[in-house]
Amino acid sequence: MSVDYQALAVEGVQGLMPYQAGKPIDELARELGLDPDTIVKLASNENPLGPSPRALEAARDALSTLCRYPDGNGFNLKARLADRLHVGPAQITLGNGSNDLLEIITRSFADRDSEVVYSQHAFAIYALVTRAIGARGVEVPARDWGHDLDAMAAAVTDRTRLVFVANPNNPTGTVHGAEAIEQFLARVPAHVLVVLDEAYCEYLEGDAYPDGVELLSRFPNLIITRTFSKAWGLAALRVGYSVSSAAIADILNRVRQPFNVDSIALAAATAVLDDEEYLIRSREVNSAGLAQLSQGFDALGLSYIPSAGNFVAVDVGEEAGAVFQRLLAAGVIVRPVAGYGMPRHLRVSVGLSAENQRLLDALPDAINPVVDEVLHG
């Protein structure tokens, strides 16, 4: 007897599509018969510097304990984060990347009778986890590709339990200053939790930008999520954290899976926090790369969204899928973002200078294919 297993899935899951990650280098090499060493990946907002030497050393040392379960409480990492952020260890919740925390938060505080507010063009996981638990997602139209905070505050109802705000936002790179974030938080009722997703906060420099952790004392309904996958260069190890009141963290730790961060990740993340030189270098490379890409797009006459992250969303002047495929054939992986309501844009992660130039050199032919391809392709 044939069974329709999709029909057996819970209602919220039935309409979901799997999250589409950036194409791996090895996958493209297999598909097109390319040498992996010749492929440039600018698709997943990874740190192009490679991992910190301190993180590598700590990870190697942790290998000798592979027969043991990790420290389920993450004592050392929490202590180091607490010291750096000037909070108590009880305010920190660890996750298997910040994505894990976004799901834990949603499952902890929303249900089928709840509404969750997020912005158009915002990180896809907000909508995904909301739908998965059967809650009603309220997508607020963007303003200038970014969050319309006034409209988001106005969208809060008696049924709203969570509001997601990404600052900077992925995939658009837009950012709100400290004053705008504080004014928004002041408008949200105390019983509605605001998740301030600061995955790219380490790239922000200057007093004009908010430090979400510093706002916790005034806004107890605030939860900050951050990650080690971007500026700290540990994407493969999947480790993130949230900072909140101890009362909220207690709830999150009831839902969090035991041992959700492995021993190698815990060791590497703890060690990299002491490598300030690595973080400074990451910022420098990113700043130079953003300038290089922006100048290159200007020279090609392409519009793009000014970004505060480690990526740029560029309008290629047509449906971006074909341009994406031509870039793949040239050994350059970027990220199409049609699923974010941006069909003409490609998101380009900042790479090393030579990698950025490789993309800029390949773009003209990808956007304006040679005559033979037009006639016979």
Protein backbone atom coordinates (compact mmCIF):
# COMPACT_ATOMS: atom_id res chain seq x y z
CA MET A 1 0.00 0.00 0.00
CA SER A 2 1.29 3.42 -0.95
CA VAL A 3 1.64 5.89 1.91
CA ASP A 4 1.68 9.67 1.48
CA TYR A 5 4.31 10.51 4.07
CA GLN A 6 4.09 14.22 3.38
CA ALA A 7 0.47 14.10 4.48
CA LEU A 8 1.60 12.46 7.73
CA ALA A 9 3.92 15.37 8.52
CA VAL A 10 2.63 18.05 10.86
CA GLU A 11 0.87 20.91 9.11
CA GLY A 12 3.62 23.47 9.57
CA VAL A 13 6.25 21.17 8.06
CA GLN A 14 4.24 20.16 4.99
CA GLY A 15 4.72 23.49 3.22
CA LEU A 16 8.41 23.91 4.02
CA MET A 17 11.28 23.72 1.55
CA PRO A 18 14.74 22.63 2.77
CA TYR A 19 17.15 25.45 3.53
CA GLN A 20 19.42 26.01 0.54
CA ALA A 21 23.04 26.49 1.60
CA GLY A 22 25.81 27.78 -0.63
CA LYS A 23 27.10 25.17 -3.08
CA PRO A 24 30.20 23.37 -1.72
CA ILE A 25 33.43 23.50 -3.71
CA ASP A 26 33.68 19.70 -3.99
CA GLU A 27 30.13 19.46 -5.33
CA LEU A 28 30.80 21.95 -8.12
CA ALA A 29 34.07 20.19 -8.94
CA ARG A 30 32.24 16.87 -9.34
CA GLU A 31 29.42 18.35 -11.40
CA LEU A 32 31.57 20.25 -13.88
CA GLY A 33 34.80 18.30 -13.74
CA LEU A 34 36.74 21.28 -12.37
CA ASP A 35 39.89 21.24 -10.28
CA PRO A 36 38.75 22.12 -6.72
CA ASP A 37 41.87 24.23 -6.26
CA THR A 38 40.76 26.54 -9.08
CA ILE A 39 37.29 27.20 -7.64
CA VAL A 40 36.51 30.35 -5.68
CA LYS A 41 33.68 30.18 -3.17
CA LEU A 42 32.06 33.50 -2.29
CA ALA A 43 28.67 32.10 -1.33
CA SER A 44 28.39 31.45 2.39
CA ASN A 45 29.72 34.53 4.22
CA GLU A 46 32.69 32.58 5.54
CA ASN A 47 35.90 34.14 6.83
CA PRO A 48 38.43 33.99 3.95
CA LEU A 49 41.42 34.12 6.31
CA GLY A 50 41.02 30.53 7.43
CA PRO A 51 40.84 29.63 11.14
CA SER A 52 42.82 31.32 13.88
CA PRO A 53 46.04 29.47 14.82
CA ARG A 54 44.91 29.54 18.43
CA ALA A 55 41.61 27.91 17.52
CA LEU A 56 43.42 25.23 15.52
CA GLU A 57 45.76 24.43 18.37
CA ALA A 58 42.89 24.15 20.85
CA ALA A 59 40.91 21.95 18.45
CA ARG A 60 43.87 19.59 18.02
CA ASP A 61 44.33 19.34 21.79
CA ALA A 62 40.64 18.47 22.19
CA LEU A 63 40.94 15.46 19.87
CA SER A 64 42.34 13.34 22.69
CA THR A 65 38.97 13.53 24.47
CA LEU A 66 36.82 12.28 21.57
CA CYS A 67 35.74 9.25 23.60
CA ARG A 68 34.11 11.53 26.17
CA TYR A 69 30.88 13.52 25.97
CA PRO A 70 31.33 17.29 25.81
CA ASP A 71 30.78 19.53 28.80
CA GLY A 72 27.03 19.90 28.41
CA ASN A 73 27.06 23.22 30.25
CA GLY A 74 30.00 24.65 28.27
CA PHE A 75 31.54 26.03 31.47
CA ASN A 76 34.81 27.36 30.03
CA LEU A 77 33.26 29.00 26.98
CA LYS A 78 30.48 30.57 29.02
CA ALA A 79 32.99 31.88 31.54
CA ARG A 80 35.12 33.42 28.81
CA LEU A 81 32.09 34.97 27.08
CA ALA A 82 30.74 36.28 30.39
CA ASP A 83 34.05 37.97 31.11
CA ARG A 84 34.24 39.50 27.63
CA LEU A 85 30.62 40.67 27.55
CA HIS A 86 30.33 41.68 31.24
CA VAL A 87 27.33 39.44 31.89
CA GLY A 88 26.72 36.47 34.13
CA PRO A 89 27.34 32.92 32.83
CA ALA A 90 23.70 32.14 33.66
CA GLN A 91 22.65 34.65 30.98
CA ILE A 92 24.35 32.68 28.18
CA THR A 93 22.87 29.81 26.19
CA LEU A 94 25.09 27.86 23.79
CA GLY A 95 23.92 26.50 20.47
CA ASN A 96 24.99 24.43 17.50
CA GLY A 97 25.47 27.66 15.57
CA SER A 98 23.14 30.61 16.13
CA ASN A 99 20.57 28.88 13.87
CA ASP A 100 20.12 26.31 16.62
CA LEU A 101 19.35 29.08 19.08
CA LEU A 102 16.82 30.73 16.75
CA GLU A 103 14.93 27.44 16.67
CA ILE A 104 15.24 26.88 20.42
CA ILE A 105 13.88 30.36 21.10
CA THR A 106 10.94 29.89 18.74
CA ARG A 107 10.03 26.48 20.15
CA SER A 108 10.32 27.82 23.69
CA PHE A 109 8.02 30.81 23.32
CA ALA A 110 5.71 30.39 20.32
CA ASP A 111 3.03 27.88 19.37
CA ARG A 112 0.12 27.39 16.96
CA ASP A 113 -1.81 30.26 18.56
CA SER A 114 1.12 32.69 18.28
CA GLU A 115 2.32 35.25 15.77
CA VAL A 116 5.99 35.85 14.97
CA VAL A 117 7.02 39.09 13.28
CA TYR A 118 9.97 39.43 10.91
CA SER A 119 10.95 41.51 7.92
CA GLN A 120 10.77 40.90 4.20
CA HIS A 121 14.24 40.02 2.83
CA ALA A 122 15.33 38.85 6.31
CA PHE A 123 17.19 35.66 7.22
CA ALA A 124 15.20 32.66 5.96
CA ILE A 125 15.43 30.71 9.21
CA TYR A 126 12.97 33.05 10.95
CA ALA A 127 10.14 32.05 8.64
CA LEU A 128 11.25 28.41 8.51
CA VAL A 129 11.19 27.78 12.26
CA THR A 130 7.96 29.77 12.64
CA ARG A 131 6.15 27.65 10.07
CA ALA A 132 7.65 24.42 11.39
CA ILE A 133 5.94 24.85 14.75
CA GLY A 134 2.68 25.99 13.17
CA ALA A 135 2.83 29.60 14.35
CA ARG A 136 1.65 32.43 12.08
CA GLY A 137 4.48 34.34 10.47
CA VAL A 138 3.90 38.06 9.94
CA GLU A 139 6.27 39.31 7.24
CA VAL A 140 6.52 43.10 7.27
CA PRO A 141 7.46 44.76 3.94
CA ALA A 142 11.02 46.04 3.87
CA ARG A 143 12.02 49.67 3.47
CA ASP A 144 15.09 50.34 1.31
CA TRP A 145 15.91 46.61 1.46
CA GLY A 146 16.07 46.71 5.26
CA HIS A 147 13.83 46.37 8.29
CA ASP A 148 11.05 48.95 8.58
CA LEU A 149 11.18 49.11 12.37
CA ASP A 150 8.19 51.41 12.69
CA ALA A 151 6.04 49.06 10.63
CA MET A 152 7.33 46.05 12.56
CA ALA A 153 6.42 47.65 15.88
CA ALA A 154 2.97 48.47 14.49
CA ALA A 155 2.55 44.82 13.40
CA VAL A 156 2.72 43.57 16.99
CA THR A 157 -0.66 42.30 18.26
CA ASP A 158 -1.95 40.52 21.33
CA ARG A 159 -0.97 37.24 19.66
CA THR A 160 2.63 38.25 18.96
CA ARG A 161 5.19 36.34 20.99
CA LEU A 162 8.42 36.97 19.09
CA VAL A 163 9.94 39.62 16.84
CA PHE A 164 13.12 38.85 14.89
CA VAL A 165 15.45 41.70 13.95
CA ALA A 166 18.72 41.02 12.13
CA ASN A 167 21.28 43.79 12.57
CA PRO A 168 23.12 43.74 10.17
CA ASN A 169 20.64 41.86 8.02
CA ASN A 170 21.44 38.87 5.86
CA PRO A 171 21.23 38.86 2.81
CA THR A 172 20.86 42.62 2.27
CA GLY A 173 23.60 43.90 4.58
CA THR A 174 21.42 46.74 5.86
CA VAL A 175 21.92 47.97 9.42
CA HIS A 176 20.17 50.19 11.94
CA GLY A 177 21.95 52.53 14.32
CA ALA A 178 21.76 52.47 18.10
CA GLU A 179 19.09 55.15 18.36
CA ALA A 180 16.73 53.41 15.93
CA ILE A 181 17.08 50.05 17.70
CA GLU A 182 16.47 51.59 21.12
CA GLN A 183 13.40 53.47 19.93
CA PHE A 184 12.03 50.27 18.43
CA LEU A 185 12.60 48.26 21.62
CA ALA A 186 10.82 50.95 23.63
CA ARG A 187 7.70 50.45 21.48
CA VAL A 188 7.51 46.66 21.90
CA PRO A 189 5.37 45.43 24.82
CA ALA A 190 7.24 43.75 27.64
CA HIS A 191 5.50 40.40 27.07
CA VAL A 192 6.81 40.20 23.47
CA LEU A 193 10.34 38.88 23.12
CA VAL A 194 12.64 40.63 20.65
CA VAL A 195 15.43 38.52 19.15
CA LEU A 196 18.25 40.78 17.99
CA ASP A 197 20.28 38.61 15.61
CA GLU A 198 23.82 40.02 15.67
CA ALA A 199 25.59 37.33 13.64
CA TYR A 200 27.68 39.99 11.87
CA CYS A 201 28.11 42.44 14.75
CA GLU A 202 31.89 42.02 14.91
CA TYR A 203 32.17 43.82 11.58
CA LEU A 204 30.51 46.93 13.02
CA GLU A 205 32.83 49.57 14.42
CA GLY A 206 31.93 52.85 16.10
CA ASP A 207 29.47 54.14 18.67
CA ALA A 208 26.74 54.72 16.07
CA TYR A 209 25.89 51.01 16.10
CA PRO A 210 24.14 49.23 18.96
CA ASP A 211 25.71 46.60 21.17
CA GLY A 212 22.69 44.51 21.97
CA VAL A 213 24.20 43.13 25.14
CA GLU A 214 24.42 46.63 26.62
CA LEU A 215 20.67 47.05 26.10
CA LEU A 216 19.68 44.02 28.19
CA SER A 217 19.54 45.90 31.49
CA ARG A 218 16.88 48.24 30.07
CA PHE A 219 14.97 45.76 27.94
CA PRO A 220 14.54 42.44 29.79
CA ASN A 221 12.46 41.04 26.90
CA LEU A 222 15.53 41.17 24.63
CA ILE A 223 17.52 38.14 23.45
CA ILE A 224 20.81 38.61 21.58
CA THR A 225 22.06 35.85 19.26
CA ARG A 226 25.62 35.71 17.93
CA THR A 227 27.87 33.21 16.19
CA PHE A 228 31.48 32.12 15.82
CA SER A 229 30.90 31.26 12.14
CA LYS A 230 31.64 34.66 10.61
CA ALA A 231 34.31 37.03 11.92
CA TRP A 232 35.68 34.39 14.29
CA GLY A 233 36.23 31.91 11.43
CA LEU A 234 34.72 28.72 12.91
CA ALA A 235 31.85 28.01 10.51
CA ALA A 236 32.60 24.29 10.25
CA LEU A 237 32.39 23.78 14.01
CA ARG A 238 28.87 25.23 14.39
CA VAL A 239 28.94 27.15 17.64
CA GLY A 240 26.82 30.15 18.58
CA TYR A 241 25.35 31.68 21.69
CA SER A 242 22.56 33.86 23.00
CA VAL A 243 22.63 36.41 25.78
CA SER A 244 19.47 37.22 27.69
CA SER A 245 18.15 37.54 31.20
CA ALA A 246 18.96 34.54 33.37
CA ALA A 247 15.23 33.77 33.54
CA ILE A 248 14.95 33.51 29.75
CA ALA A 249 18.18 31.52 29.50
CA ASP A 250 16.78 29.05 32.02
CA ILE A 251 13.82 28.42 29.72
CA LEU A 252 16.04 28.03 26.66
CA ASN A 253 18.24 25.51 28.44
CA ARG A 254 15.19 23.35 29.16
CA VAL A 255 14.57 23.02 25.40
CA ARG A 256 18.20 22.90 24.26
CA GLN A 257 19.39 19.43 23.31
CA PRO A 258 22.04 17.99 25.64
CA PHE A 259 25.59 18.19 24.31
CA ASN A 260 24.50 20.41 21.40
CA VAL A 261 28.00 21.91 21.11
CA ASP A 262 30.83 19.41 20.72
CA SER A 263 34.13 19.41 22.60
CA ILE A 264 36.23 20.57 19.65
CA ALA A 265 33.90 23.49 19.00
CA LEU A 266 33.89 24.46 22.68
CA ALA A 267 37.68 24.40 22.85
CA ALA A 268 38.24 26.32 19.60
CA ALA A 269 35.64 28.98 20.41
CA THR A 270 37.07 29.54 23.88
CA ALA A 271 40.58 29.91 22.47
CA VAL A 272 39.70 32.21 19.57
CA LEU A 273 38.20 34.78 21.94
CA ASP A 274 41.75 35.47 23.09
CA ASP A 275 42.98 36.07 19.54
CA GLU A 276 42.17 39.75 19.19
CA GLU A 277 44.73 40.11 16.40
CA TYR A 278 42.77 37.62 14.32
CA LEU A 279 39.56 39.59 14.80
CA ILE A 280 41.27 42.85 13.86
CA ARG A 281 42.74 41.26 10.74
CA SER A 282 39.31 39.82 9.83
CA ARG A 283 37.82 43.30 9.99
CA GLU A 284 40.63 44.79 7.92
CA VAL A 285 40.32 42.17 5.18
CA ASN A 286 36.57 42.57 5.14
CA SER A 287 36.70 46.36 4.93
CA ALA A 288 39.17 46.22 2.06
CA GLY A 289 37.13 43.53 0.30
CA LEU A 290 33.89 45.50 0.57
CA ALA A 291 35.63 48.51 -0.97
CA GLN A 292 37.12 46.37 -3.75
CA LEU A 293 33.80 44.78 -4.64
CA SER A 294 31.92 48.07 -4.48
CA GLN A 295 34.42 49.78 -6.77
CA GLY A 296 34.28 46.83 -9.14
CA PHE A 297 30.48 46.88 -9.29
CA ASP A 298 30.56 50.63 -9.88
CA ALA A 299 32.97 50.14 -12.79
CA LEU A 300 30.61 47.56 -14.29
CA GLY A 301 27.61 49.85 -13.86
CA LEU A 302 25.90 47.46 -11.43
CA SER A 303 23.80 48.66 -8.52
CA TYR A 304 24.24 47.01 -5.13
CA ILE A 305 23.04 47.39 -1.57
CA PRO A 306 25.66 49.03 0.69
CA SER A 307 26.52 46.40 3.27
CA ALA A 308 27.62 46.38 6.90
CA GLY A 309 28.31 42.63 6.83
CA ASN A 310 30.89 40.50 5.05
CA PHE A 311 28.92 40.25 1.81
CA VAL A 312 27.26 42.43 -0.81
CA ALA A 313 23.96 41.88 -2.65
CA VAL A 314 24.44 43.03 -6.25
CA ASP A 315 21.72 43.56 -8.86
CA VAL A 316 22.88 41.87 -12.08
CA GLY A 317 20.19 43.55 -14.19
CA GLU A 318 18.24 40.38 -15.04
CA GLU A 319 16.97 37.21 -13.43
CA ALA A 320 20.08 36.17 -11.54
CA GLY A 321 19.76 32.41 -12.00
CA ALA A 322 21.38 32.37 -15.44
CA VAL A 323 24.22 34.62 -14.29
CA PHE A 324 24.77 32.35 -11.30
CA GLN A 325 25.07 29.31 -13.58
CA ARG A 326 27.57 31.06 -15.88
CA LEU A 327 29.67 32.01 -12.89
CA LEU A 328 29.63 28.39 -11.72
CA ALA A 329 30.95 27.35 -15.13
CA ALA A 330 33.77 29.84 -14.60
CA GLY A 331 34.57 28.28 -11.23
CA VAL A 332 33.09 31.06 -9.10
CA ILE A 333 30.41 30.23 -6.54
CA VAL A 334 28.13 33.00 -5.29
CA ARG A 335 24.64 32.87 -3.80
CA PRO A 336 21.37 33.53 -5.67
CA VAL A 337 18.76 35.03 -3.34
CA ALA A 338 15.53 34.70 -5.31
CA GLY A 339 14.13 32.81 -2.34
CA TYR A 340 14.43 36.03 -0.37
CA GLY A 341 12.28 37.93 -2.86
CA MET A 342 15.36 39.28 -4.66
CA PRO A 343 15.36 37.53 -8.06
CA ARG A 344 17.79 39.97 -9.73
CA HIS A 345 20.39 39.89 -6.96
CA LEU A 346 23.37 37.71 -6.19
CA ARG A 347 24.87 37.78 -2.73
CA VAL A 348 28.65 37.89 -2.94
CA SER A 349 30.68 37.06 0.16
CA VAL A 350 33.88 39.00 0.73
CA GLY A 351 36.94 36.91 -0.07
CA LEU A 352 40.64 37.59 -0.27
CA SER A 353 41.67 40.23 -2.79
CA ALA A 354 42.50 37.71 -5.53
CA GLU A 355 39.21 35.89 -4.98
CA ASN A 356 37.21 39.10 -5.18
CA GLN A 357 39.02 40.02 -8.39
CA ARG A 358 38.29 36.61 -9.86
CA LEU A 359 34.56 37.31 -9.42
CA LEU A 360 34.85 40.81 -10.86
CA ASP A 361 36.76 39.48 -13.88
CA ALA A 362 34.16 36.76 -14.50
CA LEU A 363 31.09 38.96 -14.11
CA PRO A 364 31.14 40.78 -17.49
CA ASP A 365 30.91 37.54 -19.50
CA ALA A 366 28.39 36.09 -17.05
CA ILE A 367 26.11 39.10 -17.40
CA ASN A 368 26.71 39.63 -21.14
CA PRO A 369 27.41 36.12 -22.50
CA VAL A 370 29.44 35.82 -25.68
CA VAL A 371 27.60 35.89 -28.99
CA ASP A 372 28.03 32.16 -29.57
CA GLU A 373 26.25 31.40 -26.32
CA VAL A 374 23.42 33.73 -27.21
CA LEU A 375 23.00 32.15 -30.67
CA HIS A 376 23.50 28.53 -29.78
CA GLY A 377 23.06 28.30 -25.99
